[in-house]
Amino acid sequence: MEVLIADDGLTIRRLLETYLKKWGYDVVSVSDGNQAWEELKNPDAPRLIILDWLMPGLDGVEVCRKARQLPHGKLFYIIIFTSLEDKKNLVAALDAGADDFIIKNFDREELKARIKVGERVVRLKSELADRVRELEATMAHVKLLQGILPVCMYCHKIRDDQEVWQRMDQYLARHTDAMISHGMCPECYEKQFPDFYKTSECKEDK
């Protein structure tokens, strides 16, 4: 899993990079808020994010707030990383959409545990998003089948959304998962093959 680190402090940034790579993560590292924002605008941006609060350009809380407004912003797990320990700062970070808040004077094992929590949440969000897309596709499919289908009263062809008339079996094969098997009802059998129908009828009578 990729992790985005945004911190203008070279020492702390390198330290975080070293830890994360050792723990098996791929790291994308930037040195200010503007670069972080440019990374996050990409739909394929890392979902696990560590933002320094105080850095040039946009600060971490501003980046967090803007990131949450992106179409894919709900998929992020955002950790605000700061030396500010005031409770008001914690509240401000959480109000901006942060998921966690870590003081820079951190314990390595605690940091690792918090990163692992973030990873689990990111994976759950991704799985949930996949299920939602599948459900939306299913509902659209059901809605299509429940709609009114224009059918020719003579040849029984169906008119689709593109105003194209097509055979009913072709329409069903394209819009459903049904396997189409052609046969013949008794009425059509009698109409199309009257001699054979009478013969088979006689055999049945015997």
Protein backbone atom coordinates (compact mmCIF):
# COMPACT_ATOMS: atom_id res chain seq x y z
CA MET A 1 0.00 0.00 0.00
CA GLU A 2 1.19 3.54 -0.82
CA VAL A 3 1.51 6.22 1.85
CA LEU A 4 1.77 9.94 1.12
CA ILE A 5 4.00 11.94 3.48
CA ALA A 6 3.84 15.74 3.36
CA ASP A 7 6.29 17.48 5.70
CA ASP A 8 8.68 20.37 5.14
CA GLY A 9 11.11 19.03 7.74
CA LEU A 10 13.70 16.95 5.88
CA THR A 11 14.83 15.05 9.00
CA ILE A 12 11.37 13.97 10.13
CA ARG A 13 10.34 13.22 6.55
CA ARG A 14 13.34 10.94 6.03
CA LEU A 15 12.66 9.25 9.38
CA LEU A 16 9.05 8.53 8.43
CA GLU A 17 10.12 7.25 5.02
CA THR A 18 12.62 4.87 6.65
CA TYR A 19 10.06 3.48 9.09
CA LEU A 20 7.30 3.07 6.52
CA LYS A 21 9.51 1.34 3.96
CA LYS A 22 10.80 -0.98 6.68
CA TRP A 23 7.18 -1.84 7.52
CA GLY A 24 6.48 -2.73 3.90
CA TYR A 25 4.84 0.41 2.55
CA ASP A 26 5.54 2.29 -0.67
CA VAL A 27 6.14 5.97 0.04
CA VAL A 28 5.34 9.13 -1.90
CA SER A 29 7.06 12.08 -0.22
CA VAL A 30 6.52 15.83 -0.72
CA SER A 31 7.75 18.89 1.17
CA ASP A 32 4.79 21.29 1.20
CA GLY A 33 1.01 21.48 1.17
CA ASN A 34 0.67 22.55 -2.45
CA GLN A 35 2.57 19.48 -3.65
CA ALA A 36 0.44 17.30 -1.38
CA TRP A 37 -2.74 18.78 -2.85
CA GLU A 38 -1.53 18.15 -6.39
CA GLU A 39 -0.87 14.51 -5.50
CA LEU A 40 -4.25 14.03 -3.83
CA LYS A 41 -6.22 15.42 -6.78
CA ASN A 42 -5.14 12.38 -8.77
CA PRO A 43 -7.84 9.65 -8.52
CA ASP A 44 -5.02 7.11 -8.07
CA ALA A 45 -3.42 9.04 -5.19
CA PRO A 46 -2.28 7.11 -2.08
CA ARG A 47 -5.20 6.48 0.26
CA LEU A 48 -3.15 6.57 3.46
CA ILE A 49 -1.86 10.10 4.12
CA ILE A 50 0.36 11.77 6.73
CA LEU A 51 0.15 15.58 6.66
CA ASP A 52 2.29 17.96 8.67
CA TRP A 53 0.10 20.71 10.09
CA LEU A 54 2.57 23.57 9.64
CA MET A 55 4.25 23.63 6.24
CA PRO A 56 4.69 26.05 3.32
CA GLY A 57 1.79 26.67 0.95
CA LEU A 58 -1.38 24.98 2.17
CA ASP A 59 -1.11 23.73 5.73
CA GLY A 60 -2.07 20.19 6.64
CA VAL A 61 -5.56 21.06 7.87
CA GLU A 62 -6.31 23.02 4.67
CA VAL A 63 -5.12 20.11 2.54
CA CYS A 64 -7.27 17.76 4.60
CA ARG A 65 -10.36 19.92 4.19
CA LYS A 66 -9.88 20.24 0.42
CA ALA A 67 -9.11 16.53 0.04
CA ARG A 68 -12.41 15.56 1.65
CA GLN A 69 -14.26 17.52 -1.03
CA LEU A 70 -12.77 15.44 -3.85
CA PRO A 71 -14.94 12.75 -5.49
CA HIS A 72 -12.60 10.11 -4.06
CA GLY A 73 -11.97 12.03 -0.82
CA LYS A 74 -13.99 9.66 1.34
CA LEU A 75 -11.52 6.88 0.56
CA PHE A 76 -8.62 8.66 2.27
CA TYR A 77 -7.35 7.94 5.76
CA ILE A 78 -5.69 11.18 6.87
CA ILE A 79 -3.31 11.57 9.80
CA ILE A 80 -2.35 15.06 10.91
CA PHE A 81 1.25 15.07 12.14
CA THR A 82 2.21 18.02 14.32
CA SER A 83 4.10 19.42 17.27
CA LEU A 84 0.97 21.32 18.40
CA GLU A 85 -0.42 19.57 21.45
CA ASP A 86 -3.30 21.87 22.37
CA LYS A 87 -6.70 20.15 22.55
CA LYS A 88 -8.18 22.89 20.34
CA ASN A 89 -5.77 21.84 17.59
CA LEU A 90 -6.94 18.26 17.85
CA VAL A 91 -10.56 19.35 17.55
CA ALA A 92 -9.75 21.59 14.57
CA ALA A 93 -7.97 18.75 12.76
CA LEU A 94 -10.83 16.33 13.33
CA ASP A 95 -13.39 18.92 12.24
CA ALA A 96 -11.44 19.36 9.00
CA GLY A 97 -11.85 15.66 8.26
CA ALA A 98 -8.72 14.11 9.77
CA ASP A 99 -8.98 10.52 10.97
CA ASP A 100 -6.10 10.65 13.44
CA PHE A 101 -3.77 13.13 15.12
CA ILE A 102 -0.16 12.28 16.04
CA ILE A 103 2.26 14.43 18.01
CA LYS A 104 5.74 14.55 16.47
CA ASN A 105 7.33 13.39 19.72
CA PHE A 106 5.98 9.92 18.94
CA ASP A 107 6.74 6.37 19.98
CA ARG A 108 7.74 4.24 16.98
CA GLU A 109 5.59 1.26 17.93
CA GLU A 110 2.59 3.49 18.57
CA LEU A 111 3.09 5.09 15.14
CA LYS A 112 3.27 1.64 13.54
CA ALA A 113 0.05 0.59 15.27
CA ARG A 114 -1.76 3.74 14.10
CA ILE A 115 -0.53 3.22 10.54
CA LYS A 116 -1.83 -0.35 10.64
CA VAL A 117 -5.22 0.91 11.79
CA GLY A 118 -5.22 3.35 8.87
CA GLU A 119 -4.35 0.56 6.45
CA ARG A 120 -7.24 -1.59 7.67
CA VAL A 121 -9.68 1.30 7.36
CA VAL A 122 -8.47 2.12 3.83
CA ARG A 123 -8.95 -1.49 2.74
CA LEU A 124 -12.44 -1.60 4.26
CA LYS A 125 -13.39 1.66 2.55
CA SER A 126 -12.13 0.34 -0.77
CA GLU A 127 -14.07 -2.91 -0.40
CA LEU A 128 -17.21 -0.99 0.56
CA ALA A 129 -16.83 1.31 -2.47
CA ASP A 130 -16.54 -1.76 -4.72
CA ARG A 131 -19.72 -3.24 -3.21
CA VAL A 132 -21.58 0.06 -3.70
CA ARG A 133 -20.55 0.16 -7.37
CA GLU A 134 -21.71 -3.43 -7.84
CA LEU A 135 -25.03 -2.62 -6.15
CA GLU A 136 -25.54 0.48 -8.30
CA ALA A 137 -24.84 -1.54 -11.44
CA THR A 138 -27.31 -4.21 -10.31
CA MET A 139 -29.99 -1.64 -9.52
CA ALA A 140 -29.50 0.00 -12.92
CA HIS A 141 -29.85 -3.43 -14.52
CA VAL A 142 -33.06 -4.15 -12.58
CA LYS A 143 -34.45 -0.71 -13.44
CA LEU A 144 -33.80 -1.38 -17.13
CA LEU A 145 -35.70 -4.65 -16.98
CA GLN A 146 -38.59 -3.11 -15.04
CA GLY A 147 -39.10 -0.27 -17.50
CA ILE A 148 -41.71 -0.19 -20.26
CA LEU A 149 -40.48 -2.01 -23.38
CA PRO A 150 -41.94 -0.87 -26.71
CA VAL A 151 -42.86 -4.10 -28.54
CA CYS A 152 -44.17 -4.29 -32.10
CA MET A 153 -47.67 -5.79 -31.99
CA TYR A 154 -47.05 -7.70 -35.25
CA CYS A 155 -43.45 -8.96 -35.35
CA HIS A 156 -42.80 -8.57 -31.57
CA LYS A 157 -39.49 -6.79 -32.04
CA ILE A 158 -38.34 -4.54 -29.19
CA ARG A 159 -37.24 -0.92 -29.56
CA ASP A 160 -34.18 -0.07 -27.42
CA ASP A 161 -32.96 3.29 -26.06
CA GLN A 162 -31.20 4.05 -29.36
CA GLU A 163 -34.51 3.70 -31.25
CA VAL A 164 -33.27 0.49 -32.86
CA TRP A 165 -35.73 -2.36 -33.35
CA GLN A 166 -34.34 -5.79 -32.68
CA ARG A 167 -35.60 -9.30 -32.16
CA MET A 168 -36.76 -10.07 -28.68
CA ASP A 169 -34.25 -12.89 -28.19
CA GLN A 170 -31.40 -10.57 -29.24
CA TYR A 171 -32.57 -7.88 -26.83
CA LEU A 172 -32.84 -10.30 -23.91
CA ALA A 173 -29.44 -11.83 -24.64
CA ARG A 174 -27.85 -8.37 -24.62
CA HIS A 175 -29.57 -7.00 -21.52
CA THR A 176 -29.84 -10.05 -19.25
CA ASP A 177 -27.73 -13.00 -18.19
CA ALA A 178 -30.33 -15.46 -19.49
CA MET A 179 -29.28 -18.22 -21.88
CA ILE A 180 -31.62 -18.07 -24.88
CA SER A 181 -32.89 -21.45 -26.13
CA HIS A 182 -35.09 -21.49 -29.23
CA GLY A 183 -38.07 -23.79 -29.44
CA MET A 184 -41.59 -23.82 -30.87
CA CYS A 185 -44.91 -23.60 -29.10
CA PRO A 186 -47.76 -25.98 -30.11
CA GLU A 187 -49.73 -23.22 -31.86
CA CYS A 188 -46.77 -22.25 -34.09
CA TYR A 189 -45.91 -25.91 -34.70
CA GLU A 190 -49.45 -26.52 -35.94
CA LYS A 191 -49.39 -23.40 -38.11
CA GLN A 192 -45.96 -23.95 -39.66
CA PHE A 193 -46.02 -27.76 -40.00
CA PRO A 194 -49.68 -28.81 -40.15
CA ASP A 195 -49.01 -32.19 -41.73
CA PHE A 196 -46.42 -33.18 -39.14
CA TYR A 197 -48.62 -31.80 -36.40
CA LYS A 198 -51.57 -33.94 -37.44
CA THR A 199 -49.35 -37.02 -37.70
CA SER A 200 -47.87 -36.51 -34.27
CA GLU A 201 -51.35 -35.80 -32.92
CA CYS A 202 -52.61 -39.07 -34.34
CA LYS A 203 -49.73 -40.95 -32.77
CA GLU A 204 -50.49 -39.41 -29.43
CA ASP A 205 -54.16 -40.43 -29.75
CA LYS A 206 -53.09 -44.02 -30.33
